[in-house]
N, C-alpha and C. Protein backbone atom coordinates (compact mmCIF):
# COMPACT_ATOMS: atom_id res chain seq x y z
N MET A 1 -4.92 -9.12 12.28
CA MET A 1 -5.25 -10.56 13.29
C MET A 1 -4.41 -11.78 12.29
N THR A 2 -4.41 -12.07 13.17
CA THR A 2 -3.60 -13.44 13.23
C THR A 2 -3.71 -14.73 13.35
N VAL A 3 -3.90 -15.66 11.59
CA VAL A 3 -4.80 -16.39 11.67
C VAL A 3 -4.20 -17.89 11.70
N SER A 4 -4.08 -18.56 11.99
CA SER A 4 -3.15 -20.21 12.38
C SER A 4 -3.96 -21.44 12.29
N GLY A 5 -3.09 -21.89 12.15
CA GLY A 5 -3.98 -23.29 12.24
C GLY A 5 -4.21 -24.31 10.37
N PRO A 6 -5.00 -25.20 10.89
CA PRO A 6 -5.76 -25.61 9.72
C PRO A 6 -6.53 -24.91 7.97
N ASN A 7 -7.40 -23.68 8.57
CA ASN A 7 -7.98 -23.12 8.35
C ASN A 7 -7.16 -21.90 7.37
N ARG A 8 -6.17 -21.75 8.15
CA ARG A 8 -5.18 -20.61 7.81
C ARG A 8 -5.68 -20.05 6.14
N ASP A 9 -5.76 -20.91 5.04
CA ASP A 9 -5.48 -20.62 3.96
C ASP A 9 -7.31 -20.40 3.63
N ALA A 10 -8.35 -20.39 4.02
CA ALA A 10 -10.03 -21.28 3.82
C ALA A 10 -10.31 -19.43 4.45
N VAL A 11 -9.27 -19.84 5.83
CA VAL A 11 -9.56 -18.07 6.42
C VAL A 11 -8.79 -16.57 5.60
N LEU A 12 -8.07 -16.36 4.95
CA LEU A 12 -7.35 -15.08 4.01
C LEU A 12 -8.12 -16.16 2.91
N LEU A 13 -8.44 -16.44 2.38
CA LEU A 13 -8.86 -17.06 0.80
C LEU A 13 -10.41 -15.72 0.94
N SER A 14 -11.09 -16.36 2.07
CA SER A 14 -12.68 -15.48 2.58
C SER A 14 -12.41 -14.57 2.62
N ARG A 15 -11.23 -13.47 3.67
CA ARG A 15 -10.87 -12.37 3.56
C ARG A 15 -10.67 -11.89 2.27
N GLY A 16 -9.68 -12.62 1.40
CA GLY A 16 -9.10 -11.79 0.27
C GLY A 16 -10.55 -11.33 -0.86
N ARG A 17 -11.69 -11.92 -0.65
CA ARG A 17 -12.94 -12.89 -1.29
C ARG A 17 -13.97 -11.18 -0.79
N ARG A 18 -13.82 -11.24 0.51
CA ARG A 18 -14.79 -9.94 0.62
C ARG A 18 -13.93 -8.80 0.58
N LEU A 19 -13.33 -8.53 0.51
CA LEU A 19 -12.11 -7.42 -0.22
C LEU A 19 -11.98 -7.11 -1.42
N GLU A 20 -12.10 -8.05 -2.50
CA GLU A 20 -12.64 -7.34 -3.80
C GLU A 20 -13.72 -7.40 -3.87
N VAL A 21 -15.03 -8.27 -3.34
CA VAL A 21 -16.76 -7.71 -3.42
C VAL A 21 -16.69 -6.21 -2.88
N ALA A 22 -16.19 -6.30 -1.55
CA ALA A 22 -16.57 -4.48 -1.45
C ALA A 22 -15.30 -3.41 -2.22
N THR A 23 -14.62 -4.14 -3.47
CA THR A 23 -13.64 -3.05 -4.04
C THR A 23 -15.22 -3.20 -5.31
N LEU A 24 -15.48 -4.56 -6.24
CA LEU A 24 -16.49 -4.29 -6.78
C LEU A 24 -17.59 -3.60 -6.51
N GLY A 25 -18.10 -4.09 -5.37
CA GLY A 25 -19.41 -2.51 -5.42
C GLY A 25 -19.39 -1.39 -4.67
N TRP A 26 -18.73 -0.77 -4.52
CA TRP A 26 -18.07 0.45 -4.27
C TRP A 26 -18.07 1.10 -6.09
N ASN A 27 -17.14 0.14 -7.02
CA ASN A 27 -16.39 0.73 -7.51
C ASN A 27 -18.23 1.35 -9.34
N ILE A 28 -18.62 -0.41 -8.79
CA ILE A 28 -20.18 0.01 -9.42
C ILE A 28 -20.57 0.60 -9.17
N VAL A 29 -21.05 1.05 -7.84
CA VAL A 29 -22.29 2.64 -7.51
C VAL A 29 -21.37 4.05 -8.17
N GLY A 30 -19.71 3.13 -7.89
CA GLY A 30 -18.76 4.45 -8.63
C GLY A 30 -19.10 5.45 -9.78
N VAL A 31 -18.99 4.07 -11.15
CA VAL A 31 -18.76 3.92 -12.10
C VAL A 31 -20.89 5.56 -12.54
N VAL A 32 -21.35 5.09 -11.56
CA VAL A 32 -22.58 5.38 -12.01
C VAL A 32 -22.56 6.89 -11.41
N VAL A 33 -21.45 7.19 -10.26
CA VAL A 33 -21.76 8.72 -9.65
C VAL A 33 -21.04 9.17 -10.70
N LEU A 34 -19.72 8.82 -10.43
CA LEU A 34 -18.58 8.90 -11.81
C LEU A 34 -19.64 9.92 -13.28
N ALA A 35 -20.20 8.93 -13.15
CA ALA A 35 -20.69 9.62 -14.85
C ALA A 35 -21.61 10.74 -14.91
N ILE A 36 -22.26 10.76 -13.63
CA ILE A 36 -23.45 11.59 -13.65
C ILE A 36 -22.45 13.09 -13.23
N ALA A 37 -21.34 12.93 -12.36
CA ALA A 37 -20.60 14.24 -12.37
C ALA A 37 -19.37 14.79 -12.77
N ALA A 38 -19.19 13.40 -13.84
CA ALA A 38 -18.52 13.72 -15.05
C ALA A 38 -19.14 14.82 -16.09
N LEU A 39 -20.74 14.51 -16.29
CA LEU A 39 -21.48 15.16 -17.30
C LEU A 39 -21.96 16.49 -16.67
N GLY A 40 -22.20 16.40 -15.63
CA GLY A 40 -22.65 17.38 -15.20
C GLY A 40 -22.09 18.90 -15.00
N ALA A 41 -20.26 18.16 -14.69
CA ALA A 41 -19.44 19.11 -14.47
C ALA A 41 -18.81 19.36 -15.67
N LYS A 42 -18.75 18.37 -16.74
CA LYS A 42 -17.91 18.73 -17.62
C LYS A 42 -16.66 18.66 -17.90
N SER A 43 -16.48 17.22 -16.75
CA SER A 43 -14.75 17.60 -16.21
C SER A 43 -13.92 16.03 -16.72
N VAL A 44 -13.24 16.21 -17.35
CA VAL A 44 -12.41 15.40 -17.39
C VAL A 44 -11.72 14.25 -16.60
N ALA A 45 -11.81 14.64 -15.26
CA ALA A 45 -10.88 13.76 -14.49
C ALA A 45 -11.82 13.16 -14.06
N LEU A 46 -12.70 13.85 -13.96
CA LEU A 46 -13.76 13.00 -13.81
C LEU A 46 -14.28 12.03 -13.74
N GLY A 47 -14.53 12.25 -15.35
CA GLY A 47 -14.38 11.32 -16.63
C GLY A 47 -13.63 10.44 -16.78
N GLY A 48 -11.84 10.35 -16.61
CA GLY A 48 -11.09 9.41 -16.43
C GLY A 48 -11.17 8.56 -15.70
N PHE A 49 -11.21 9.06 -14.02
CA PHE A 49 -11.52 8.50 -12.60
C PHE A 49 -13.15 7.55 -13.34
N GLY A 50 -13.44 7.57 -13.92
CA GLY A 50 -14.83 7.36 -13.50
C GLY A 50 -15.05 5.42 -14.62
N LEU A 51 -13.42 5.53 -16.06
CA LEU A 51 -13.52 5.11 -16.92
C LEU A 51 -12.50 4.00 -16.04
N ASP A 52 -11.48 4.77 -15.25
CA ASP A 52 -10.39 3.84 -13.61
C ASP A 52 -11.57 2.70 -13.63
N SER A 53 -11.92 3.41 -12.90
CA SER A 53 -13.10 2.93 -10.82
C SER A 53 -14.06 1.20 -12.55
N LEU A 54 -14.66 1.40 -13.92
CA LEU A 54 -14.57 0.65 -14.81
C LEU A 54 -13.20 -0.23 -15.20
N ILE A 55 -12.34 0.12 -14.84
CA ILE A 55 -11.05 -1.33 -15.19
C ILE A 55 -10.79 -1.86 -13.81
N GLU A 56 -11.15 -1.02 -13.04
CA GLU A 56 -11.55 -2.02 -11.44
C GLU A 56 -11.96 -2.69 -11.87
N ILE A 57 -12.92 -2.70 -11.52
CA ILE A 57 -13.63 -3.29 -11.72
C ILE A 57 -13.24 -4.57 -12.48
N GLY A 58 -12.99 -4.95 -14.09
CA GLY A 58 -12.81 -5.94 -14.11
C GLY A 58 -11.38 -6.33 -13.72
N ALA A 59 -10.93 -5.28 -13.17
CA ALA A 59 -9.83 -6.10 -12.48
C ALA A 59 -10.22 -6.84 -11.06
N SER A 60 -10.95 -6.68 -10.24
CA SER A 60 -11.81 -6.84 -9.32
C SER A 60 -12.01 -8.85 -9.27
N THR A 61 -12.26 -8.51 -11.12
CA THR A 61 -13.34 -10.06 -11.45
C THR A 61 -11.90 -10.37 -11.89
N VAL A 62 -10.71 -10.22 -12.42
CA VAL A 62 -10.25 -11.65 -12.46
C VAL A 62 -9.29 -12.05 -11.11
N VAL A 63 -9.80 -10.93 -10.13
CA VAL A 63 -8.45 -11.48 -8.55
C VAL A 63 -10.05 -12.13 -7.80
N LEU A 64 -11.27 -11.97 -8.08
CA LEU A 64 -12.85 -12.73 -8.17
C LEU A 64 -12.22 -14.46 -8.56
N TRP A 65 -11.84 -14.16 -10.03
CA TRP A 65 -11.20 -15.54 -10.78
C TRP A 65 -10.57 -16.30 -9.48
N ASP A 66 -9.35 -15.75 -9.45
CA ASP A 66 -7.86 -15.98 -9.42
C ASP A 66 -8.38 -16.81 -8.26
N LEU A 67 -9.23 -16.95 -7.50
CA LEU A 67 -8.95 -16.32 -5.83
C LEU A 67 -9.60 -18.15 -6.05
N ALA A 68 -10.66 -18.62 -7.48
CA ALA A 68 -11.37 -19.35 -6.98
C ALA A 68 -10.58 -20.38 -7.79
N ASP A 69 -9.63 -20.87 -8.14
CA ASP A 69 -8.86 -21.80 -8.65
C ASP A 69 -8.39 -21.89 -9.93
N VAL A 70 -8.66 -20.41 -10.73
CA VAL A 70 -8.95 -20.99 -12.05
C VAL A 70 -6.66 -21.05 -12.81
N ASN A 71 -6.15 -21.82 -14.02
CA ASN A 71 -5.27 -22.06 -13.99
C ASN A 71 -3.90 -20.57 -13.94
N GLN A 72 -3.13 -21.01 -14.26
CA GLN A 72 -2.06 -19.93 -14.86
C GLN A 72 -2.57 -19.38 -15.84
N SER A 73 -2.62 -19.90 -16.82
CA SER A 73 -3.37 -19.94 -18.46
C SER A 73 -4.10 -18.43 -18.63
N ARG A 74 -5.44 -18.78 -17.72
CA ARG A 74 -6.14 -17.41 -18.20
C ARG A 74 -6.21 -16.57 -17.37
N ARG A 75 -5.06 -16.28 -16.11
CA ARG A 75 -5.29 -15.57 -15.38
C ARG A 75 -4.42 -14.26 -17.05
N ARG A 76 -2.86 -14.98 -17.30
CA ARG A 76 -2.33 -14.14 -18.26
C ARG A 76 -2.56 -13.71 -18.65
N GLY A 77 -4.21 -14.26 -19.45
CA GLY A 77 -4.92 -13.84 -20.33
C GLY A 77 -5.89 -12.51 -19.95
N ALA A 78 -6.29 -12.44 -18.96
CA ALA A 78 -7.39 -11.53 -17.57
C ALA A 78 -6.16 -9.95 -17.83
N MET A 79 -5.35 -10.69 -17.01
CA MET A 79 -3.87 -9.41 -16.86
C MET A 79 -3.85 -8.84 -18.01
N ARG A 80 -3.46 -9.09 -19.11
CA ARG A 80 -3.39 -8.88 -20.75
C ARG A 80 -5.01 -7.76 -21.12
N VAL A 81 -6.22 -8.44 -20.87
CA VAL A 81 -6.97 -7.18 -21.11
C VAL A 81 -7.43 -6.21 -20.82
N ILE A 82 -6.88 -6.64 -18.90
CA ILE A 82 -6.10 -5.26 -18.21
C ILE A 82 -6.13 -4.54 -18.51
N GLY A 83 -4.04 -4.66 -18.76
CA GLY A 83 -3.58 -4.29 -19.38
C GLY A 83 -4.16 -3.69 -20.69
N TYR A 84 -4.52 -3.44 -21.19
CA TYR A 84 -4.80 -3.38 -22.63
C TYR A 84 -6.39 -1.81 -22.61
N ALA A 85 -7.13 -2.59 -20.91
CA ALA A 85 -7.76 -1.46 -20.70
C ALA A 85 -7.02 -0.24 -20.29
N PHE A 86 -6.12 -0.15 -19.49
CA PHE A 86 -5.39 0.64 -18.75
C PHE A 86 -5.05 1.76 -20.23
N VAL A 87 -4.09 0.63 -21.86
CA VAL A 87 -3.59 1.80 -22.85
C VAL A 87 -4.69 2.69 -23.50
N ALA A 88 -6.05 2.01 -23.15
CA ALA A 88 -7.31 2.85 -24.31
C ALA A 88 -7.42 4.12 -23.13
N LEU A 89 -7.33 3.37 -21.79
CA LEU A 89 -7.93 4.81 -20.74
C LEU A 89 -6.88 5.79 -20.97
N ALA A 90 -6.27 5.57 -21.43
CA ALA A 90 -4.29 6.71 -21.12
C ALA A 90 -4.60 7.60 -22.21
N LEU A 91 -4.79 6.30 -23.75
CA LEU A 91 -4.94 7.01 -25.44
C LEU A 91 -6.13 8.58 -24.34
N TYR A 92 -7.79 7.73 -24.24
CA TYR A 92 -8.15 8.82 -23.55
C TYR A 92 -7.88 10.21 -23.36
N LEU A 93 -6.72 9.89 -22.51
CA LEU A 93 -6.80 10.90 -20.97
C LEU A 93 -5.97 11.91 -21.68
N GLY A 94 -4.77 11.21 -22.95
CA GLY A 94 -4.03 11.94 -23.57
C GLY A 94 -4.93 12.86 -24.61
N VAL A 95 -5.90 12.18 -25.42
CA VAL A 95 -6.53 13.00 -26.31
C VAL A 95 -7.40 14.21 -25.43
N GLN A 96 -8.16 13.75 -24.63
CA GLN A 96 -9.67 14.78 -23.31
C GLN A 96 -8.44 15.67 -23.45
N SER A 97 -7.42 15.54 -22.52
CA SER A 97 -7.02 16.59 -21.32
C SER A 97 -6.17 17.27 -22.06
N THR A 98 -5.68 16.84 -23.64
CA THR A 98 -5.46 17.99 -24.19
C THR A 98 -6.20 19.70 -25.37
N ILE A 99 -6.94 18.17 -25.68
CA ILE A 99 -7.62 18.72 -26.71
C ILE A 99 -8.34 19.78 -25.38
N VAL A 100 -9.13 20.11 -24.63
CA VAL A 100 -9.71 20.97 -23.29
C VAL A 100 -8.19 21.80 -23.06
N LEU A 101 -7.29 21.83 -22.63
CA LEU A 101 -6.06 22.66 -22.26
C LEU A 101 -6.88 24.02 -24.41
N ILE A 102 -5.78 23.05 -25.15
CA ILE A 102 -6.09 24.12 -26.23
C ILE A 102 -7.13 24.44 -26.59
N VAL A 103 -8.22 24.55 -26.70
CA VAL A 103 -9.60 24.91 -26.55
C VAL A 103 -10.17 25.81 -25.21
N GLU A 104 -9.04 25.37 -24.08
CA GLU A 104 -9.04 26.34 -22.18
C GLU A 104 -10.85 26.20 -22.69
N PHE A 105 -11.52 24.62 -21.96
CA PHE A 105 -12.42 24.76 -21.48
C PHE A 105 -12.79 25.05 -20.71
N HIS A 106 -13.78 25.08 -19.55
CA HIS A 106 -13.59 25.65 -18.33
C HIS A 106 -14.62 24.51 -17.95
N PRO A 107 -13.94 23.43 -16.79
CA PRO A 107 -15.40 22.93 -16.39
C PRO A 107 -15.97 23.44 -15.51
N HIS A 108 -17.63 22.85 -15.20
CA HIS A 108 -18.10 22.90 -13.80
C HIS A 108 -17.37 22.90 -12.68
N HIS A 109 -18.28 23.40 -11.54
CA HIS A 109 -17.70 23.15 -10.25
C HIS A 109 -18.69 21.21 -9.84
N SER A 110 -18.51 21.12 -9.44
CA SER A 110 -18.84 19.89 -8.88
C SER A 110 -18.42 19.11 -7.78
N THR A 111 -20.65 19.26 -6.70
CA THR A 111 -19.84 19.25 -5.46
C THR A 111 -20.29 17.67 -5.29
N LEU A 112 -20.61 17.34 -6.35
CA LEU A 112 -21.14 15.44 -6.45
C LEU A 112 -19.78 14.32 -6.31
N GLY A 113 -19.09 15.37 -6.74
CA GLY A 113 -17.62 14.90 -6.91
C GLY A 113 -16.57 15.02 -6.47
N ILE A 114 -16.65 16.18 -5.68
CA ILE A 114 -15.94 16.01 -4.83
C ILE A 114 -15.63 15.01 -3.49
N ALA A 115 -17.41 15.81 -3.04
CA ALA A 115 -17.19 14.84 -2.16
C ALA A 115 -17.88 13.27 -2.68
N TRP A 116 -17.79 12.57 -3.70
CA TRP A 116 -17.11 10.75 -4.38
C TRP A 116 -15.64 10.90 -3.94
N THR A 117 -15.34 11.63 -4.71
CA THR A 117 -13.56 11.33 -4.70
C THR A 117 -13.05 11.20 -3.01
N ALA A 118 -13.36 12.45 -2.27
CA ALA A 118 -13.05 12.31 -1.20
C ALA A 118 -13.35 11.04 0.09
N VAL A 119 -14.21 10.73 -0.55
CA VAL A 119 -15.28 9.03 0.45
C VAL A 119 -13.74 8.16 -0.49
N THR A 120 -13.66 8.24 -1.52
CA THR A 120 -13.42 7.13 -2.26
C THR A 120 -11.62 6.79 -1.60
N ALA A 121 -11.26 7.90 -1.55
CA ALA A 121 -9.75 7.46 -1.65
C ALA A 121 -9.61 7.55 -0.27
N GLY A 122 -10.18 7.44 0.97
CA GLY A 122 -10.34 6.68 2.09
C GLY A 122 -10.92 5.44 1.77
N VAL A 123 -11.89 5.27 1.11
CA VAL A 123 -12.37 3.67 0.80
C VAL A 123 -11.17 3.25 0.44
N MET A 124 -10.34 3.32 -0.63
CA MET A 124 -9.20 3.11 -2.00
C MET A 124 -7.64 2.89 -0.52
N PHE A 125 -7.97 3.34 0.44
CA PHE A 125 -6.08 3.09 0.53
C PHE A 125 -6.36 1.74 1.85
N GLY A 126 -7.84 2.19 2.47
CA GLY A 126 -8.06 0.63 3.48
C GLY A 126 -7.98 -0.64 2.72
N LEU A 127 -9.16 -0.32 1.10
CA LEU A 127 -8.54 -1.99 0.57
C LEU A 127 -7.69 -2.11 0.06
N ALA A 128 -7.06 -1.70 0.02
CA ALA A 128 -5.25 -1.61 -0.48
C ALA A 128 -4.47 -2.69 0.58
N PHE A 129 -4.24 -1.76 1.86
CA PHE A 129 -4.25 -2.15 2.90
C PHE A 129 -4.79 -3.66 3.10
N GLY A 130 -6.18 -4.43 3.08
CA GLY A 130 -6.26 -5.09 3.66
C GLY A 130 -6.21 -5.94 2.29
N LYS A 131 -5.42 -5.25 0.72
CA LYS A 131 -5.44 -6.64 0.15
C LYS A 131 -4.11 -6.90 -0.56
N ARG A 132 -3.50 -5.58 0.01
CA ARG A 132 -1.76 -6.37 0.57
C ARG A 132 -0.86 -7.16 1.45
N SER A 133 -1.81 -6.70 2.60
CA SER A 133 -1.50 -7.88 3.47
C SER A 133 -2.38 -9.00 3.55
N THR A 134 -3.26 -8.83 2.92
CA THR A 134 -4.08 -10.95 3.29
C THR A 134 -2.94 -11.18 1.70
N GLY A 135 -3.08 -10.59 0.34
CA GLY A 135 -2.15 -11.06 -0.89
C GLY A 135 -0.45 -11.88 -0.47
N ALA A 136 0.05 -11.04 0.70
CA ALA A 136 1.70 -10.97 0.76
C ALA A 136 1.14 -12.48 2.12
N ALA A 137 0.33 -13.09 2.83
CA ALA A 137 -0.13 -13.94 3.73
C ALA A 137 0.23 -15.15 3.00
N LEU A 138 -0.83 -14.63 2.69
CA LEU A 138 -1.65 -16.02 0.96
C LEU A 138 -0.48 -16.63 0.14
N GLY A 139 0.61 -16.07 -0.04
CA GLY A 139 1.55 -15.56 -0.95
C GLY A 139 0.91 -15.82 -2.40
N ASN A 140 -0.18 -15.19 -2.98
CA ASN A 140 -0.39 -14.77 -3.94
C ASN A 140 -0.59 -13.23 -4.21
N PRO A 141 0.35 -13.20 -5.34
CA PRO A 141 0.53 -12.13 -6.15
C PRO A 141 0.08 -11.45 -6.75
N VAL A 142 -1.49 -12.39 -7.21
CA VAL A 142 -2.21 -11.50 -8.27
C VAL A 142 -3.23 -10.32 -6.96
N LEU A 143 -3.43 -11.24 -5.61
CA LEU A 143 -4.44 -10.17 -5.00
C LEU A 143 -3.20 -9.20 -4.72
N GLU A 144 -1.82 -9.69 -4.10
CA GLU A 144 -0.86 -8.53 -3.63
C GLU A 144 -0.86 -7.32 -5.59
N ALA A 145 -0.85 -7.82 -5.82
CA ALA A 145 -0.86 -6.53 -7.06
C ALA A 145 -1.96 -5.87 -7.19
N GLU A 146 -3.01 -6.68 -7.23
CA GLU A 146 -4.80 -5.83 -7.62
C GLU A 146 -4.46 -4.54 -5.85
N GLY A 147 -4.21 -5.05 -5.26
CA GLY A 147 -3.84 -4.15 -3.51
C GLY A 147 -3.24 -3.04 -4.59
N ARG A 148 -2.03 -2.67 -4.57
CA ARG A 148 -1.23 -1.78 -5.50
C ARG A 148 -1.90 -0.98 -6.62
N ILE A 149 -3.29 -1.89 -7.46
CA ILE A 149 -3.81 -0.58 -8.19
C ILE A 149 -4.57 -0.77 -7.31
N THR A 150 -5.35 -0.75 -6.41
CA THR A 150 -5.72 -0.31 -5.33
C THR A 150 -6.14 0.97 -5.01
N MET A 151 -4.72 0.69 -4.65
CA MET A 151 -3.19 1.95 -3.81
C MET A 151 -3.85 2.91 -4.66
N ILE A 152 -3.19 2.76 -6.34
CA ILE A 152 -3.47 3.58 -6.81
C ILE A 152 -4.89 4.84 -7.26
N ASP A 153 -5.54 3.58 -7.02
CA ASP A 153 -6.99 4.17 -7.40
C ASP A 153 -7.38 5.67 -6.58
N GLY A 154 -6.91 5.14 -4.64
CA GLY A 154 -6.41 5.96 -4.40
C GLY A 154 -5.57 7.33 -4.12
N ILE A 155 -5.48 6.59 -4.86
CA ILE A 155 -4.02 7.93 -5.25
C ILE A 155 -4.43 9.60 -6.07
N LEU A 156 -5.38 8.57 -7.36
CA LEU A 156 -6.16 8.65 -7.75
C LEU A 156 -7.04 9.69 -7.79
N ALA A 157 -7.97 8.66 -6.83
CA ALA A 157 -8.85 9.77 -6.57
C ALA A 157 -8.15 11.01 -5.87
N THR A 158 -6.97 11.02 -5.43
CA THR A 158 -6.79 12.56 -4.31
C THR A 158 -6.67 13.23 -5.11
N ALA A 159 -6.50 12.89 -6.28
CA ALA A 159 -5.17 13.36 -7.23
C ALA A 159 -6.48 14.06 -8.13
N VAL A 160 -7.29 13.27 -8.49
CA VAL A 160 -8.83 13.72 -8.85
C VAL A 160 -9.15 15.22 -7.92
N LEU A 161 -10.12 14.77 -6.83
CA LEU A 161 -9.37 15.81 -5.69
C LEU A 161 -9.03 16.42 -5.02
N ALA A 162 -8.16 17.16 -5.24
CA ALA A 162 -7.30 18.33 -5.25
C ALA A 162 -7.72 19.03 -6.69
N GLY A 163 -7.54 18.03 -8.02
CA GLY A 163 -7.86 18.85 -9.18
C GLY A 163 -8.92 19.97 -8.55
N LEU A 164 -10.40 19.09 -8.98
CA LEU A 164 -11.62 19.28 -8.90
C LEU A 164 -11.61 20.63 -7.22
N LEU A 165 -10.81 20.65 -6.45
CA LEU A 165 -11.05 21.68 -5.34
C LEU A 165 -10.51 23.24 -6.30
N LEU A 166 -8.44 22.21 -6.45
CA LEU A 166 -8.21 23.95 -6.80
C LEU A 166 -9.38 25.03 -8.38
N ASN A 167 -10.56 24.24 -8.96
CA ASN A 167 -10.97 24.39 -10.06
C ASN A 167 -11.84 24.77 -9.03
N ALA A 168 -12.85 24.42 -8.65
CA ALA A 168 -14.41 24.84 -7.00
C ALA A 168 -13.76 26.55 -6.77
N LEU A 169 -12.49 26.25 -5.53
CA LEU A 169 -12.21 27.18 -5.15
C LEU A 169 -11.02 28.22 -5.25
N ALA A 170 -10.45 28.01 -6.22
CA ALA A 170 -9.49 29.06 -7.60
C ALA A 170 -9.49 29.42 -8.52
N GLY A 171 -10.34 28.90 -8.84
CA GLY A 171 -10.56 29.17 -10.20
C GLY A 171 -9.30 28.82 -11.30
N LEU A 172 -8.71 27.91 -10.80
CA LEU A 172 -7.26 27.06 -11.52
C LEU A 172 -8.27 25.92 -12.42
N TRP A 173 -9.27 26.83 -13.95
CA TRP A 173 -10.00 25.76 -14.80
C TRP A 173 -8.58 24.70 -15.42
N TRP A 174 -7.64 25.21 -15.92
CA TRP A 174 -6.40 23.37 -16.05
C TRP A 174 -6.13 22.78 -14.93
N ALA A 175 -6.68 23.03 -13.26
CA ALA A 175 -6.16 21.89 -13.01
C ALA A 175 -7.41 20.59 -13.16
N ASP A 176 -8.14 20.46 -13.05
CA ASP A 176 -8.97 19.18 -13.92
C ASP A 176 -7.77 18.84 -15.13
N PRO A 177 -7.32 18.85 -15.80
CA PRO A 177 -6.82 18.26 -17.24
C PRO A 177 -5.27 17.90 -17.06
N PHE A 178 -5.45 18.98 -15.96
CA PHE A 178 -3.63 18.36 -15.57
C PHE A 178 -3.93 16.73 -13.88
N ALA A 179 -4.97 17.37 -14.32
CA ALA A 179 -5.18 15.94 -12.99
C ALA A 179 -6.08 14.71 -14.60
N GLY A 180 -5.80 14.60 -15.50
CA GLY A 180 -6.62 13.98 -16.73
C GLY A 180 -4.98 12.84 -16.73
N TYR A 181 -4.08 14.16 -16.82
CA TYR A 181 -2.85 13.74 -16.91
C TYR A 181 -1.62 12.83 -16.45
N LEU A 182 -2.77 13.13 -14.98
CA LEU A 182 -1.66 12.63 -13.75
C LEU A 182 -2.55 11.12 -13.68
N LEU A 183 -3.41 11.13 -14.07
CA LEU A 183 -4.50 9.00 -14.43
C LEU A 183 -3.24 9.09 -15.78
N LEU A 184 -3.62 9.72 -16.76
CA LEU A 184 -2.43 9.01 -18.13
C LEU A 184 -1.35 8.72 -17.31
N TYR A 185 -0.35 9.50 -16.40
CA TYR A 185 1.19 8.38 -16.51
C TYR A 185 0.35 6.80 -15.52
N TYR A 186 -0.50 6.95 -14.65
CA TYR A 186 -0.68 6.27 -13.72
C TYR A 186 -1.23 4.71 -14.85
N ALA A 187 -2.38 5.14 -15.18
CA ALA A 187 -2.91 3.99 -16.70
C ALA A 187 -1.37 3.81 -17.20
N PHE A 188 -0.71 4.43 -18.09
CA PHE A 188 0.30 3.32 -18.57
C PHE A 188 1.21 3.12 -17.93
N ARG A 189 1.64 2.80 -15.90
CA ARG A 189 2.59 2.59 -15.70
C ARG A 189 1.64 1.18 -15.34
N GLU A 190 0.34 1.35 -15.48
CA GLU A 190 -0.44 -0.15 -14.84
C GLU A 190 -0.47 -1.01 -15.86
N ALA A 191 -0.70 -0.57 -17.36
CA ALA A 191 -0.74 -1.08 -18.42
C ALA A 191 0.07 -1.97 -18.73
N ARG A 192 1.39 -0.50 -18.00
CA ARG A 192 2.67 -2.07 -18.26
C ARG A 192 3.14 -2.98 -17.92
N GLY A 193 2.88 -2.69 -16.10
CA GLY A 193 2.59 -4.47 -15.39
C GLY A 193 1.70 -4.73 -15.52
N SER A 194 0.35 -5.25 -16.38
CA SER A 194 0.14 -5.86 -16.66
C SER A 194 0.45 -6.78 -18.02
N LEU A 195 0.52 -6.21 -18.53
CA LEU A 195 0.26 -6.48 -19.94
C LEU A 195 2.28 -8.04 -19.57
N HIS A 196 3.11 -6.95 -18.89
CA HIS A 196 4.50 -7.67 -18.59
C HIS A 196 4.00 -8.69 -17.72
N HIS A 197 2.50 -9.49 -16.77
CA HIS A 197 2.37 -10.25 -15.65
C HIS A 197 2.68 -11.18 -15.70
């Protein structure tokens, strides 16, 4: 949809806020669903993805704060907090995935985890596209950056889904901690981007 005229920025800001509120709501529900699924299956990948959803809640809150005209110094501080949260997530995933591989712990199957990550991938890709295009139209780098984080959430959901399916359908138990390592890579990458923002 092309927006023009004097209300253009107001319409784009409203669209940006709606996209962030949708992301926030999805991830709040997702943290609960993923915690239940991760505990039931004893899955490192589902647990890590749940923690990533918790960080995405923080990122959405920062963007909503930014869209409300918060000053630049507070924006930088908030981005640093998100960066440190990604570092903590990466450390957790690295240690937990390594322990699971060393002891050869076999996670259980998780129908709930498979269903949730499949739907989440589609939702995140759609939200990411909306945020990046709205952020570009507004000239708002924070909304664009958060769109990239949401795109990564979609990629991570796809990776976790692949690990869960490989475990459930082919008995490849090690696919779960390997999905955890993939999450670790993206967590470090996002930490670096947030801390150097």
